[in-house]
Amino acid sequence: MAIPKQERLVSLVMCLLAARRYVTKEELRQSIESYRLCTSDEAFDRMFERDKDDVRELGFIVETGANDPLIESADGYRIRPEMNALPPVELDPEEAAALALAAGAWQQSALAGAATGALYKLKAAGVEIDSAPLTSVEPRVTAREPAFGPLLDALRTRRPIQFAYRRSGAAEATARVVEPWGMSCWRGRWYLVGYSRDRGEQRVFRLDRIADKPKPKPLKEQFQAQVPAKVDVRGQVARFAGEGGEGIARIRVRTGAGFPLRARASAVIPAGEGWDELELSHGHGLHHWLAEFGPDVVVLEPPHLRAAVVAQLREAAGETSAHASGQVKVG
């Protein structure tokens, strides 16, 4: 059975941290099970070089050198604890409680292990964390989208990533290559903000519309576009999701329907004959959401939002007809 990469990296870091002298590659190969299982010297060399780069990418300072000062060749490696130690962590009770609350929010997500590990490290450093007062407040941040893990790794390593993306209303997914800048959760959905090489501009992507497992580009491949000094990820996601940024929309909603829209509205005015008139701020993606309510919603203004909703409904109706007649290939 293959040993997980995370376990291999932890073993490598522990060996280099515990050593009081430089450790050679051959000694590491004999000490770490994953390396012993390599079928050839070439396979071991490739694995070790990748692991060494990953350990350095994580922030460890890996020294190279020789134990004999008379030997010029640097054939050994070590991690000096004093050069990799963090300064003392000091948190007041409110800060410690906030960390415990944040870690609890991730317990059902892909970061649950990392969050729990971070708390253990803080406790080991002498920080008292009392989670008892938090039992009545238990938020949960979920990340069930399969694309979340690969995209998070691409963000950490600053690597371009490729995936198949299905636009709203589109029948087929198309290949995209994106330089990721950040991710944000908005109203229960996760979004990626980054530079789309295919479109040549900054774009926002909904993770649940990614149709395959994202594939990162080689580690040596760099970003082509310059990352802005400050990326307002949450603001861009909010505008993409249809909240804020462009103005006020006036819509009519059938009485007894559209409760999510009513909750967001800044004004709700009875319009008679079974309809209410709502005012709410809108942005780029509001027409996608309004179209989901079908005949229960009518856009009054602005005109471009009304036209976008009509186009969205017509596109959906056209795709339904095409599927019914067998004109659209599925799968």
C-alpha atoms as a PDB file:
ATOM      1  CA  MET A   1       0.000   0.000   0.000  1.00  0.00           C
ATOM      2  CA  ALA A   2       1.321   3.451  -0.923  1.00  0.00           C
ATOM      3  CA  ILE A   3       2.140   5.680   2.034  1.00  0.00           C
ATOM      4  CA  PRO A   4       0.443   9.104   1.901  1.00  0.00           C
ATOM      5  CA  LYS A   5       2.686  11.985   0.918  1.00  0.00           C
ATOM      6  CA  GLN A   6       1.786  13.959   4.050  1.00  0.00           C
ATOM      7  CA  GLU A   7       3.080  11.132   6.239  1.00  0.00           C
ATOM      8  CA  ARG A   8       6.286  10.975   4.205  1.00  0.00           C
ATOM      9  CA  LEU A   9       6.895  14.719   4.582  1.00  0.00           C
ATOM     10  CA  VAL A  10       6.272  14.585   8.325  1.00  0.00           C
ATOM     11  CA  SER A  11       8.780  11.729   8.640  1.00  0.00           C
ATOM     12  CA  LEU A  12      11.365  13.672   6.644  1.00  0.00           C
ATOM     13  CA  VAL A  13      10.940  16.822   8.756  1.00  0.00           C
ATOM     14  CA  MET A  14      11.159  14.840  12.010  1.00  0.00           C
ATOM     15  CA  CYS A  15      14.342  13.097  10.899  1.00  0.00           C
ATOM     16  CA  LEU A  16      16.022  16.342   9.889  1.00  0.00           C
ATOM     17  CA  LEU A  17      14.876  18.151  13.037  1.00  0.00           C
ATOM     18  CA  ALA A  18      16.042  15.405  15.392  1.00  0.00           C
ATOM     19  CA  ALA A  19      19.473  15.001  13.804  1.00  0.00           C
ATOM     20  CA  ARG A  20      22.420  16.622  15.556  1.00  0.00           C
ATOM     21  CA  ARG A  21      24.506  16.419  12.402  1.00  0.00           C
ATOM     22  CA  TYR A  22      23.976  16.465   8.656  1.00  0.00           C
ATOM     23  CA  VAL A  23      22.064  13.405   7.423  1.00  0.00           C
ATOM     24  CA  THR A  24      22.918  11.952   4.032  1.00  0.00           C
ATOM     25  CA  LYS A  25      20.366  10.936   1.424  1.00  0.00           C
ATOM     26  CA  GLU A  26      21.288   7.298   1.871  1.00  0.00           C
ATOM     27  CA  GLU A  27      20.720   7.490   5.626  1.00  0.00           C
ATOM     28  CA  LEU A  28      17.336   9.073   5.014  1.00  0.00           C
ATOM     29  CA  ARG A  29      16.493   6.354   2.510  1.00  0.00           C
ATOM     30  CA  GLN A  30      17.186   3.691   5.107  1.00  0.00           C
ATOM     31  CA  SER A  31      15.281   5.521   7.852  1.00  0.00           C
ATOM     32  CA  ILE A  32      12.048   6.474   6.081  1.00  0.00           C
ATOM     33  CA  GLU A  33       9.799   3.637   4.945  1.00  0.00           C
ATOM     34  CA  SER A  34       8.502   5.400   1.831  1.00  0.00           C
ATOM     35  CA  TYR A  35      12.043   5.821   0.544  1.00  0.00           C
ATOM     36  CA  ARG A  36      12.913   2.199   1.291  1.00  0.00           C
ATOM     37  CA  LEU A  37      10.017   1.120  -0.913  1.00  0.00           C
ATOM     38  CA  CYS A  38      11.411   2.924  -3.969  1.00  0.00           C
ATOM     39  CA  THR A  39      12.197   0.406  -6.702  1.00  0.00           C
ATOM     40  CA  SER A  40      15.224   2.250  -8.109  1.00  0.00           C
ATOM     41  CA  ASP A  41      17.782   4.921  -7.292  1.00  0.00           C
ATOM     42  CA  GLU A  42      16.254   7.199  -9.916  1.00  0.00           C
ATOM     43  CA  ALA A  43      12.779   6.903  -8.366  1.00  0.00           C
ATOM     44  CA  PHE A  44      14.194   7.670  -4.921  1.00  0.00           C
ATOM     45  CA  ASP A  45      16.140  10.696  -6.187  1.00  0.00           C
ATOM     46  CA  ARG A  46      13.039  12.162  -7.846  1.00  0.00           C
ATOM     47  CA  MET A  47      10.877  11.579  -4.768  1.00  0.00           C
ATOM     48  CA  PHE A  48      13.461  13.021  -2.391  1.00  0.00           C
ATOM     49  CA  GLU A  49      14.042  16.158  -4.476  1.00  0.00           C
ATOM     50  CA  ARG A  50      10.296  16.804  -4.686  1.00  0.00           C
ATOM     51  CA  ASP A  51       9.884  16.274  -0.947  1.00  0.00           C
ATOM     52  CA  LYS A  52      12.803  18.564  -0.156  1.00  0.00           C
ATOM     53  CA  ASP A  53      11.256  21.326  -2.275  1.00  0.00           C
ATOM     54  CA  ASP A  54       7.879  20.798  -0.594  1.00  0.00           C
ATOM     55  CA  VAL A  55       9.403  21.013   2.889  1.00  0.00           C
ATOM     56  CA  ARG A  56      11.084  24.283   1.965  1.00  0.00           C
ATOM     57  CA  GLU A  57       7.818  25.489   0.438  1.00  0.00           C
ATOM     58  CA  LEU A  58       6.189  24.883   3.823  1.00  0.00           C
ATOM     59  CA  GLY A  59       8.645  27.355   5.369  1.00  0.00           C
ATOM     60  CA  PHE A  60      11.360  25.124   6.841  1.00  0.00           C
ATOM     61  CA  ILE A  61      14.991  26.113   6.368  1.00  0.00           C
ATOM     62  CA  VAL A  62      16.760  22.984   5.109  1.00  0.00           C
ATOM     63  CA  GLU A  63      20.530  23.345   5.345  1.00  0.00           C
ATOM     64  CA  THR A  64      22.996  21.438   3.214  1.00  0.00           C
ATOM     65  CA  GLY A  65      26.523  20.677   4.361  1.00  0.00           C
ATOM     66  CA  ALA A  66      29.091  18.083   5.334  1.00  0.00           C
ATOM     67  CA  ASN A  67      30.002  16.768   8.783  1.00  0.00           C
ATOM     68  CA  ASP A  68      33.711  16.789   7.953  1.00  0.00           C
ATOM     69  CA  PRO A  69      34.955  20.397   7.530  1.00  0.00           C
ATOM     70  CA  LEU A  70      37.754  19.109   5.273  1.00  0.00           C
ATOM     71  CA  ILE A  71      35.233  17.819   2.719  1.00  0.00           C
ATOM     72  CA  GLU A  72      33.994  20.466   0.315  1.00  0.00           C
ATOM     73  CA  SER A  73      31.014  18.518  -1.043  1.00  0.00           C
ATOM     74  CA  ALA A  74      27.702  19.136   0.757  1.00  0.00           C
ATOM     75  CA  ASP A  75      26.174  15.676   0.900  1.00  0.00           C
ATOM     76  CA  GLY A  76      24.015  16.041   4.013  1.00  0.00           C
ATOM     77  CA  TYR A  77      20.893  17.825   5.184  1.00  0.00           C
ATOM     78  CA  ARG A  78      19.478  19.064   8.466  1.00  0.00           C
ATOM     79  CA  ILE A  79      16.882  21.419   9.949  1.00  0.00           C
ATOM     80  CA  ARG A  80      18.153  23.401  12.931  1.00  0.00           C
ATOM     81  CA  PRO A  81      15.352  23.824  15.494  1.00  0.00           C
ATOM     82  CA  GLU A  82      16.629  27.233  16.587  1.00  0.00           C
ATOM     83  CA  MET A  83      16.414  28.544  13.009  1.00  0.00           C
ATOM     84  CA  ASN A  84      12.873  27.273  12.467  1.00  0.00           C
ATOM     85  CA  ALA A  85      11.283  28.007  15.823  1.00  0.00           C
ATOM     86  CA  LEU A  86       8.465  30.544  16.023  1.00  0.00           C
ATOM     87  CA  PRO A  87       8.457  33.294  18.645  1.00  0.00           C
ATOM     88  CA  PRO A  88       6.324  32.670  21.755  1.00  0.00           C
ATOM     89  CA  VAL A  89       2.588  32.709  21.035  1.00  0.00           C
ATOM     90  CA  GLU A  90       0.655  34.987  23.367  1.00  0.00           C
ATOM     91  CA  LEU A  91      -3.120  35.198  23.104  1.00  0.00           C
ATOM     92  CA  ASP A  92      -5.645  36.829  25.372  1.00  0.00           C
ATOM     93  CA  PRO A  93      -8.741  34.812  26.354  1.00  0.00           C
ATOM     94  CA  GLU A  94     -10.884  36.401  23.620  1.00  0.00           C
ATOM     95  CA  GLU A  95      -8.348  35.584  20.899  1.00  0.00           C
ATOM     96  CA  ALA A  96      -7.937  32.010  22.109  1.00  0.00           C
ATOM     97  CA  ALA A  97     -11.716  31.560  22.165  1.00  0.00           C
ATOM     98  CA  ALA A  98     -11.987  32.931  18.624  1.00  0.00           C
ATOM     99  CA  LEU A  99      -9.398  30.415  17.412  1.00  0.00           C
ATOM    100  CA  ALA A 100     -11.231  27.549  19.059  1.00  0.00           C
ATOM    101  CA  LEU A 101     -14.500  28.706  17.492  1.00  0.00           C
ATOM    102  CA  ALA A 102     -12.887  29.007  14.042  1.00  0.00           C
ATOM    103  CA  ALA A 103     -11.368  25.535  14.293  1.00  0.00           C
ATOM    104  CA  GLY A 104     -14.721  24.074  15.306  1.00  0.00           C
ATOM    105  CA  ALA A 105     -16.309  25.615  12.229  1.00  0.00           C
ATOM    106  CA  TRP A 106     -14.017  23.549  10.012  1.00  0.00           C
ATOM    107  CA  GLN A 107     -14.601  20.172  11.635  1.00  0.00           C
ATOM    108  CA  GLN A 108     -16.758  18.904   8.765  1.00  0.00           C
ATOM    109  CA  SER A 109     -14.557  20.284   5.997  1.00  0.00           C
ATOM    110  CA  ALA A 110     -11.355  19.378   4.211  1.00  0.00           C
ATOM    111  CA  LEU A 111      -9.393  21.458   6.749  1.00  0.00           C
ATOM    112  CA  ALA A 112     -10.652  19.692   9.866  1.00  0.00           C
ATOM    113  CA  GLY A 113      -7.350  17.917  10.477  1.00  0.00           C
ATOM    114  CA  ALA A 114      -5.276  21.053  10.000  1.00  0.00           C
ATOM    115  CA  ALA A 115      -7.528  23.065  12.315  1.00  0.00           C
ATOM    116  CA  THR A 116      -7.354  20.455  15.072  1.00  0.00           C
ATOM    117  CA  GLY A 117      -3.599  20.177  14.658  1.00  0.00           C
ATOM    118  CA  ALA A 118      -3.212  23.932  14.978  1.00  0.00           C
ATOM    119  CA  LEU A 119      -5.056  23.896  18.301  1.00  0.00           C
ATOM    120  CA  TYR A 120      -2.879  21.079  19.614  1.00  0.00           C
ATOM    121  CA  LYS A 121       0.212  23.097  18.716  1.00  0.00           C
ATOM    122  CA  LEU A 122      -1.122  26.125  20.556  1.00  0.00           C
ATOM    123  CA  LYS A 123      -1.881  24.027  23.613  1.00  0.00           C
ATOM    124  CA  ALA A 124       1.617  22.539  23.468  1.00  0.00           C
ATOM    125  CA  ALA A 125       3.011  26.081  23.412  1.00  0.00           C
ATOM    126  CA  GLY A 126       1.243  26.817  26.678  1.00  0.00           C
ATOM    127  CA  VAL A 127      -1.795  28.672  25.341  1.00  0.00           C
ATOM    128  CA  GLU A 128      -4.902  27.860  27.340  1.00  0.00           C
ATOM    129  CA  ILE A 129      -7.921  27.288  25.102  1.00  0.00           C
ATOM    130  CA  ASP A 130     -11.241  26.834  26.814  1.00  0.00           C
ATOM    131  CA  SER A 131     -13.935  25.703  24.390  1.00  0.00           C
ATOM    132  CA  ALA A 132     -16.602  25.147  27.067  1.00  0.00           C
ATOM    133  CA  PRO A 133     -18.281  28.584  26.570  1.00  0.00           C
ATOM    134  CA  LEU A 134     -18.601  27.851  22.855  1.00  0.00           C
ATOM    135  CA  THR A 135     -20.868  24.820  23.097  1.00  0.00           C
ATOM    136  CA  SER A 136     -23.965  26.937  22.485  1.00  0.00           C
ATOM    137  CA  VAL A 137     -22.485  28.501  19.342  1.00  0.00           C
ATOM    138  CA  GLU A 138     -21.375  25.931  16.806  1.00  0.00           C
ATOM    139  CA  PRO A 139     -21.001  27.315  13.276  1.00  0.00           C
ATOM    140  CA  ARG A 140     -20.100  24.897  10.506  1.00  0.00           C
ATOM    141  CA  VAL A 141     -18.188  25.844   7.372  1.00  0.00           C
ATOM    142  CA  THR A 142     -18.605  23.042   4.863  1.00  0.00           C
ATOM    143  CA  ALA A 143     -16.541  22.479   1.742  1.00  0.00           C
ATOM    144  CA  ARG A 144     -18.109  19.481   0.037  1.00  0.00           C
ATOM    145  CA  GLU A 145     -17.086  20.450  -3.490  1.00  0.00           C
ATOM    146  CA  PRO A 146     -14.475  17.970  -4.811  1.00  0.00           C
ATOM    147  CA  ALA A 147     -12.560  20.875  -6.349  1.00  0.00           C
ATOM    148  CA  PHE A 148     -11.974  22.560  -2.976  1.00  0.00           C
ATOM    149  CA  GLY A 149      -8.868  20.574  -1.962  1.00  0.00           C
ATOM    150  CA  PRO A 150      -6.939  20.883  -5.262  1.00  0.00           C
ATOM    151  CA  LEU A 151      -7.772  24.594  -5.529  1.00  0.00           C
ATOM    152  CA  LEU A 152      -6.666  25.233  -1.952  1.00  0.00           C
ATOM    153  CA  ASP A 153      -3.355  23.494  -2.681  1.00  0.00           C
ATOM    154  CA  ALA A 154      -2.936  25.549  -5.871  1.00  0.00           C
ATOM    155  CA  LEU A 155      -3.501  28.736  -3.860  1.00  0.00           C
ATOM    156  CA  ARG A 156      -0.929  27.688  -1.282  1.00  0.00           C
ATOM    157  CA  THR A 157       1.713  26.818  -3.860  1.00  0.00           C
ATOM    158  CA  ARG A 158       0.776  29.670  -6.263  1.00  0.00           C
ATOM    159  CA  ARG A 159       0.382  27.315  -9.202  1.00  0.00           C
ATOM    160  CA  PRO A 160      -1.896  27.773 -12.229  1.00  0.00           C
ATOM    161  CA  ILE A 161      -4.610  25.137 -12.386  1.00  0.00           C
ATOM    162  CA  GLN A 162      -6.775  23.656 -15.137  1.00  0.00           C
ATOM    163  CA  PHE A 163     -10.362  22.439 -14.871  1.00  0.00           C
ATOM    164  CA  ALA A 164     -13.547  21.957 -16.873  1.00  0.00           C
ATOM    165  CA  TYR A 165     -16.101  24.666 -16.044  1.00  0.00           C
ATOM    166  CA  ARG A 166     -19.794  24.787 -16.881  1.00  0.00           C
ATOM    167  CA  ARG A 167     -21.240  28.284 -17.098  1.00  0.00           C
ATOM    168  CA  SER A 168     -24.737  28.919 -15.813  1.00  0.00           C
ATOM    169  CA  GLY A 169     -27.189  27.779 -18.469  1.00  0.00           C
ATOM    170  CA  ALA A 170     -24.524  26.030 -20.557  1.00  0.00           C
ATOM    171  CA  ALA A 171     -24.968  22.407 -21.565  1.00  0.00           C
ATOM    172  CA  GLU A 172     -21.284  21.556 -21.857  1.00  0.00           C
ATOM    173  CA  ALA A 173     -18.260  22.328 -19.704  1.00  0.00           C
ATOM    174  CA  THR A 174     -15.226  23.999 -21.276  1.00  0.00           C
ATOM    175  CA  ALA A 175     -11.564  23.799 -20.274  1.00  0.00           C
ATOM    176  CA  ARG A 176     -10.188  26.736 -18.279  1.00  0.00           C
ATOM    177  CA  VAL A 177      -6.676  27.558 -17.066  1.00  0.00           C
ATOM    178  CA  VAL A 178      -6.771  29.875 -14.045  1.00  0.00           C
ATOM    179  CA  GLU A 179      -4.144  31.571 -11.892  1.00  0.00           C
ATOM    180  CA  PRO A 180      -5.867  31.446  -8.474  1.00  0.00           C
ATOM    181  CA  TRP A 181      -5.864  34.513  -6.244  1.00  0.00           C
ATOM    182  CA  GLY A 182      -8.306  33.567  -3.499  1.00  0.00           C
ATOM    183  CA  MET A 183     -11.460  31.697  -2.460  1.00  0.00           C
ATOM    184  CA  SER A 184     -14.479  32.775  -0.470  1.00  0.00           C
ATOM    185  CA  CYS A 185     -17.700  31.235   0.777  1.00  0.00           C
ATOM    186  CA  TRP A 186     -20.832  33.251   0.056  1.00  0.00           C
ATOM    187  CA  ARG A 187     -24.283  32.149   1.225  1.00  0.00           C
ATOM    188  CA  GLY A 188     -23.268  28.490   1.392  1.00  0.00           C
ATOM    189  CA  ARG A 189     -21.394  28.350  -1.933  1.00  0.00           C
ATOM    190  CA  TRP A 190     -17.642  28.486  -2.542  1.00  0.00           C
ATOM    191  CA  TYR A 191     -16.145  30.719  -5.242  1.00  0.00           C
ATOM    192  CA  LEU A 192     -12.689  31.053  -6.769  1.00  0.00           C
ATOM    193  CA  VAL A 193     -11.272  34.421  -7.851  1.00  0.00           C
ATOM    194  CA  GLY A 194      -8.335  34.495 -10.239  1.00  0.00           C
ATOM    195  CA  TYR A 195      -6.937  35.369 -13.641  1.00  0.00           C
ATOM    196  CA  SER A 196      -8.417  33.349 -16.496  1.00  0.00           C
ATOM    197  CA  ARG A 197      -5.815  32.773 -19.191  1.00  0.00           C
ATOM    198  CA  ASP A 198      -8.543  31.727 -21.622  1.00  0.00           C
ATOM    199  CA  ARG A 199     -10.451  35.010 -21.216  1.00  0.00           C
ATOM    200  CA  GLY A 200      -7.408  37.186 -20.567  1.00  0.00           C
ATOM    201  CA  GLU A 201      -8.956  38.839 -17.527  1.00  0.00           C
ATOM    202  CA  GLN A 202      -9.951  38.403 -13.916  1.00  0.00           C
ATOM    203  CA  ARG A 203     -12.888  36.041 -13.405  1.00  0.00           C
ATOM    204  CA  VAL A 204     -14.975  34.444 -10.633  1.00  0.00           C
ATOM    205  CA  PHE A 205     -15.869  30.732 -10.690  1.00  0.00           C
ATOM    206  CA  ARG A 206     -18.392  28.786  -8.646  1.00  0.00           C
ATOM    207  CA  LEU A 207     -16.796  25.591  -7.343  1.00  0.00           C
ATOM    208  CA  ASP A 208     -19.943  23.495  -7.759  1.00  0.00           C
ATOM    209  CA  ARG A 209     -19.811  24.223 -11.500  1.00  0.00           C
ATOM    210  CA  ILE A 210     -16.374  22.655 -11.889  1.00  0.00           C
ATOM    211  CA  ALA A 211     -17.075  19.393 -13.677  1.00  0.00           C
ATOM    212  CA  ASP A 212     -13.842  17.482 -13.026  1.00  0.00           C
ATOM    213  CA  LYS A 213     -10.923  17.307 -10.611  1.00  0.00           C
ATOM    214  CA  PRO A 214      -8.731  20.389 -11.141  1.00  0.00           C
ATOM    215  CA  LYS A 215      -5.211  19.589 -12.329  1.00  0.00           C
ATOM    216  CA  PRO A 216      -2.374  21.857 -11.143  1.00  0.00           C
ATOM    217  CA  LYS A 217       0.313  22.932 -13.562  1.00  0.00           C
ATOM    218  CA  PRO A 218       3.982  21.994 -12.878  1.00  0.00           C
ATOM    219  CA  LEU A 219       5.443  23.673  -9.796  1.00  0.00           C
ATOM    220  CA  LYS A 220       8.006  25.561 -11.890  1.00  0.00           C
ATOM    221  CA  GLU A 221       5.326  27.239 -14.032  1.00  0.00           C
ATOM    222  CA  GLN A 222       4.806  30.822 -12.888  1.00  0.00           C
ATOM    223  CA  PHE A 223       1.836  33.187 -13.040  1.00  0.00           C
ATOM    224  CA  GLN A 224       1.622  35.144 -16.285  1.00  0.00           C
ATOM    225  CA  ALA A 225      -0.539  37.969 -14.942  1.00  0.00           C
ATOM    226  CA  GLN A 226       0.511  40.298 -12.170  1.00  0.00           C
ATOM    227  CA  VAL A 227      -1.438  39.738  -8.968  1.00  0.00           C
ATOM    228  CA  PRO A 228      -2.944  43.004  -7.663  1.00  0.00           C
ATOM    229  CA  ALA A 229      -1.475  44.350  -4.447  1.00  0.00           C
ATOM    230  CA  LYS A 230      -4.896  43.977  -2.821  1.00  0.00           C
ATOM    231  CA  VAL A 231      -7.504  41.526  -4.060  1.00  0.00           C
ATOM    232  CA  ASP A 232     -10.991  42.104  -2.629  1.00  0.00           C
ATOM    233  CA  VAL A 233     -12.011  38.468  -2.955  1.00  0.00           C
ATOM    234  CA  ARG A 234     -15.172  38.729  -0.875  1.00  0.00           C
ATOM    235  CA  GLY A 235     -16.335  41.892  -2.616  1.00  0.00           C
ATOM    236  CA  GLN A 236     -15.827  40.391  -6.050  1.00  0.00           C
ATOM    237  CA  VAL A 237     -17.638  37.208  -5.072  1.00  0.00           C
ATOM    238  CA  ALA A 238     -20.548  39.251  -3.680  1.00  0.00           C
ATOM    239  CA  ARG A 239     -20.864  41.183  -6.928  1.00  0.00           C
ATOM    240  CA  PHE A 240     -20.611  37.991  -8.974  1.00  0.00           C
ATOM    241  CA  ALA A 241     -23.326  36.394  -6.843  1.00  0.00           C
ATOM    242  CA  GLY A 242     -25.572  39.347  -7.602  1.00  0.00           C
ATOM    243  CA  GLU A 243     -25.272  41.455  -4.472  1.00  0.00           C
ATOM    244  CA  GLY A 244     -24.229  45.100  -4.683  1.00  0.00           C
ATOM    245  CA  GLY A 245     -22.011  46.877  -7.129  1.00  0.00           C
ATOM    246  CA  GLU A 246     -24.405  48.060  -9.867  1.00  0.00           C
ATOM    247  CA  GLY A 247     -27.417  49.720  -8.300  1.00  0.00           C
ATOM    248  CA  ILE A 248     -30.985  49.108  -7.156  1.00  0.00           C
ATOM    249  CA  ALA A 249     -33.324  46.665  -8.893  1.00  0.00           C
ATOM    250  CA  ARG A 250     -37.121  46.824  -8.757  1.00  0.00           C
ATOM    251  CA  ILE A 251     -38.893  43.505  -9.137  1.00  0.00           C
ATOM    252  CA  ARG A 252     -42.373  42.115  -8.628  1.00  0.00           C
ATOM    253  CA  VAL A 253     -42.722  38.902  -6.630  1.00  0.00           C
ATOM    254  CA  ARG A 254     -45.864  36.816  -6.406  1.00  0.00           C
ATOM    255  CA  THR A 255     -47.443  36.915  -2.948  1.00  0.00           C
ATOM    256  CA  GLY A 256     -46.327  33.911  -0.913  1.00  0.00           C
ATOM    257  CA  ALA A 257     -43.225  33.273  -3.034  1.00  0.00           C
ATOM    258  CA  GLY A 258     -39.623  34.438  -3.274  1.00  0.00           C
ATOM    259  CA  PHE A 259     -38.851  34.464   0.442  1.00  0.00           C
ATOM    260  CA  PRO A 260     -35.019  34.587  -0.047  1.00  0.00           C
ATOM    261  CA  LEU A 261     -35.512  37.720  -2.176  1.00  0.00           C
ATOM    262  CA  ARG A 262     -37.779  39.266   0.443  1.00  0.00           C
ATOM    263  CA  ALA A 263     -35.140  38.678   3.118  1.00  0.00           C
ATOM    264  CA  ARG A 264     -32.591  40.654   1.070  1.00  0.00           C
ATOM    265  CA  ALA A 265     -34.908  43.454  -0.027  1.00  0.00           C
ATOM    266  CA  SER A 266     -34.480  46.974   1.317  1.00  0.00           C
ATOM    267  CA  ALA A 267     -38.174  47.666   0.706  1.00  0.00           C
ATOM    268  CA  VAL A 268     -41.289  45.495   0.231  1.00  0.00           C
ATOM    269  CA  ILE A 269     -44.414  47.292  -1.057  1.00  0.00           C
ATOM    270  CA  PRO A 270     -47.751  45.524  -1.690  1.00  0.00           C
ATOM    271  CA  ALA A 271     -48.630  46.017  -5.357  1.00  0.00           C
ATOM    272  CA  GLY A 272     -52.082  44.413  -5.335  1.00  0.00           C
ATOM    273  CA  GLU A 273     -53.562  41.554  -7.327  1.00  0.00           C
ATOM    274  CA  GLY A 274     -51.354  38.962  -5.667  1.00  0.00           C
ATOM    275  CA  TRP A 275     -48.008  40.737  -6.195  1.00  0.00           C
ATOM    276  CA  ASP A 276     -45.482  42.637  -4.081  1.00  0.00           C
ATOM    277  CA  GLU A 277     -42.842  45.073  -5.299  1.00  0.00           C
ATOM    278  CA  LEU A 278     -39.290  44.682  -3.951  1.00  0.00           C
ATOM    279  CA  GLU A 279     -36.206  46.882  -4.073  1.00  0.00           C
ATOM    280  CA  LEU A 280     -32.815  45.250  -3.649  1.00  0.00           C
ATOM    281  CA  SER A 281     -29.214  45.946  -4.594  1.00  0.00           C
ATOM    282  CA  HIS A 282     -27.866  43.921  -7.482  1.00  0.00           C
ATOM    283  CA  GLY A 283     -24.642  43.012  -9.193  1.00  0.00           C
ATOM    284  CA  HIS A 284     -23.291  40.890 -12.009  1.00  0.00           C
ATOM    285  CA  GLY A 285     -24.975  37.568 -11.284  1.00  0.00           C
ATOM    286  CA  LEU A 286     -28.420  38.521  -9.991  1.00  0.00           C
ATOM    287  CA  HIS A 287     -30.156  37.514 -13.242  1.00  0.00           C
ATOM    288  CA  HIS A 288     -29.079  33.879 -12.707  1.00  0.00           C
ATOM    289  CA  TRP A 289     -30.778  33.823  -9.313  1.00  0.00           C
ATOM    290  CA  LEU A 290     -33.943  35.628 -10.437  1.00  0.00           C
ATOM    291  CA  ALA A 291     -34.374  33.202 -13.316  1.00  0.00           C
ATOM    292  CA  GLU A 292     -34.563  30.324 -10.831  1.00  0.00           C
ATOM    293  CA  PHE A 293     -37.887  31.707  -9.518  1.00  0.00           C
ATOM    294  CA  GLY A 294     -39.486  31.383 -12.959  1.00  0.00           C
ATOM    295  CA  PRO A 295     -42.986  32.906 -13.280  1.00  0.00           C
ATOM    296  CA  ASP A 296     -43.048  34.073  -9.655  1.00  0.00           C
ATOM    297  CA  VAL A 297     -40.705  36.997 -10.420  1.00  0.00           C
ATOM    298  CA  VAL A 298     -40.982  39.869 -12.928  1.00  0.00           C
ATOM    299  CA  VAL A 299     -38.165  42.397 -13.303  1.00  0.00           C
ATOM    300  CA  LEU A 300     -39.367  46.002 -13.646  1.00  0.00           C
ATOM    301  CA  GLU A 301     -36.013  47.787 -13.855  1.00  0.00           C
ATOM    302  CA  PRO A 302     -33.264  48.305 -14.764  1.00  0.00           C
ATOM    303  CA  PRO A 303     -33.885  47.291 -18.391  1.00  0.00           C
ATOM    304  CA  HIS A 304     -30.562  45.428 -18.809  1.00  0.00           C
ATOM    305  CA  LEU A 305     -31.347  43.217 -15.807  1.00  0.00           C
ATOM    306  CA  ARG A 306     -34.805  42.435 -17.219  1.00  0.00           C
ATOM    307  CA  ALA A 307     -33.242  41.559 -20.595  1.00  0.00           C
ATOM    308  CA  ALA A 308     -30.649  39.318 -18.910  1.00  0.00           C
ATOM    309  CA  VAL A 309     -33.331  37.382 -17.016  1.00  0.00           C
ATOM    310  CA  VAL A 310     -35.410  36.938 -20.175  1.00  0.00           C
ATOM    311  CA  ALA A 311     -32.331  35.711 -22.079  1.00  0.00           C
ATOM    312  CA  GLN A 312     -31.517  33.294 -19.261  1.00  0.00           C
ATOM    313  CA  LEU A 313     -35.037  31.839 -19.311  1.00  0.00           C
ATOM    314  CA  ARG A 314     -35.043  31.543 -23.094  1.00  0.00           C
ATOM    315  CA  GLU A 315     -31.675  29.796 -23.032  1.00  0.00           C
ATOM    316  CA  ALA A 316     -32.918  27.334 -20.433  1.00  0.00           C
ATOM    317  CA  ALA A 317     -36.117  26.703 -22.414  1.00  0.00           C
ATOM    318  CA  GLY A 318     -34.087  26.134 -25.577  1.00  0.00           C
ATOM    319  CA  GLU A 319     -31.816  23.618 -23.891  1.00  0.00           C
ATOM    320  CA  THR A 320     -34.840  21.768 -22.473  1.00  0.00           C
ATOM    321  CA  SER A 321     -36.351  21.500 -25.935  1.00  0.00           C
ATOM    322  CA  ALA A 322     -33.052  20.342 -27.398  1.00  0.00           C
ATOM    323  CA  HIS A 323     -32.697  17.625 -24.759  1.00  0.00           C
ATOM    324  CA  ALA A 324     -36.247  16.453 -25.400  1.00  0.00           C
ATOM    325  CA  SER A 325     -35.583  16.150 -29.148  1.00  0.00           C
ATOM    326  CA  GLY A 326     -32.233  14.405 -28.660  1.00  0.00           C
ATOM    327  CA  GLN A 327     -30.191  17.248 -30.142  1.00  0.00           C
ATOM    328  CA  VAL A 328     -27.942  17.718 -27.110  1.00  0.00           C
ATOM    329  CA  LYS A 329     -25.346  15.094 -26.307  1.00  0.00           C
ATOM    330  CA  VAL A 330     -25.227  14.182 -22.619  1.00  0.00           C
ATOM    331  CA  GLY A 331     -22.253  12.659 -20.812  1.00  0.00           C
END
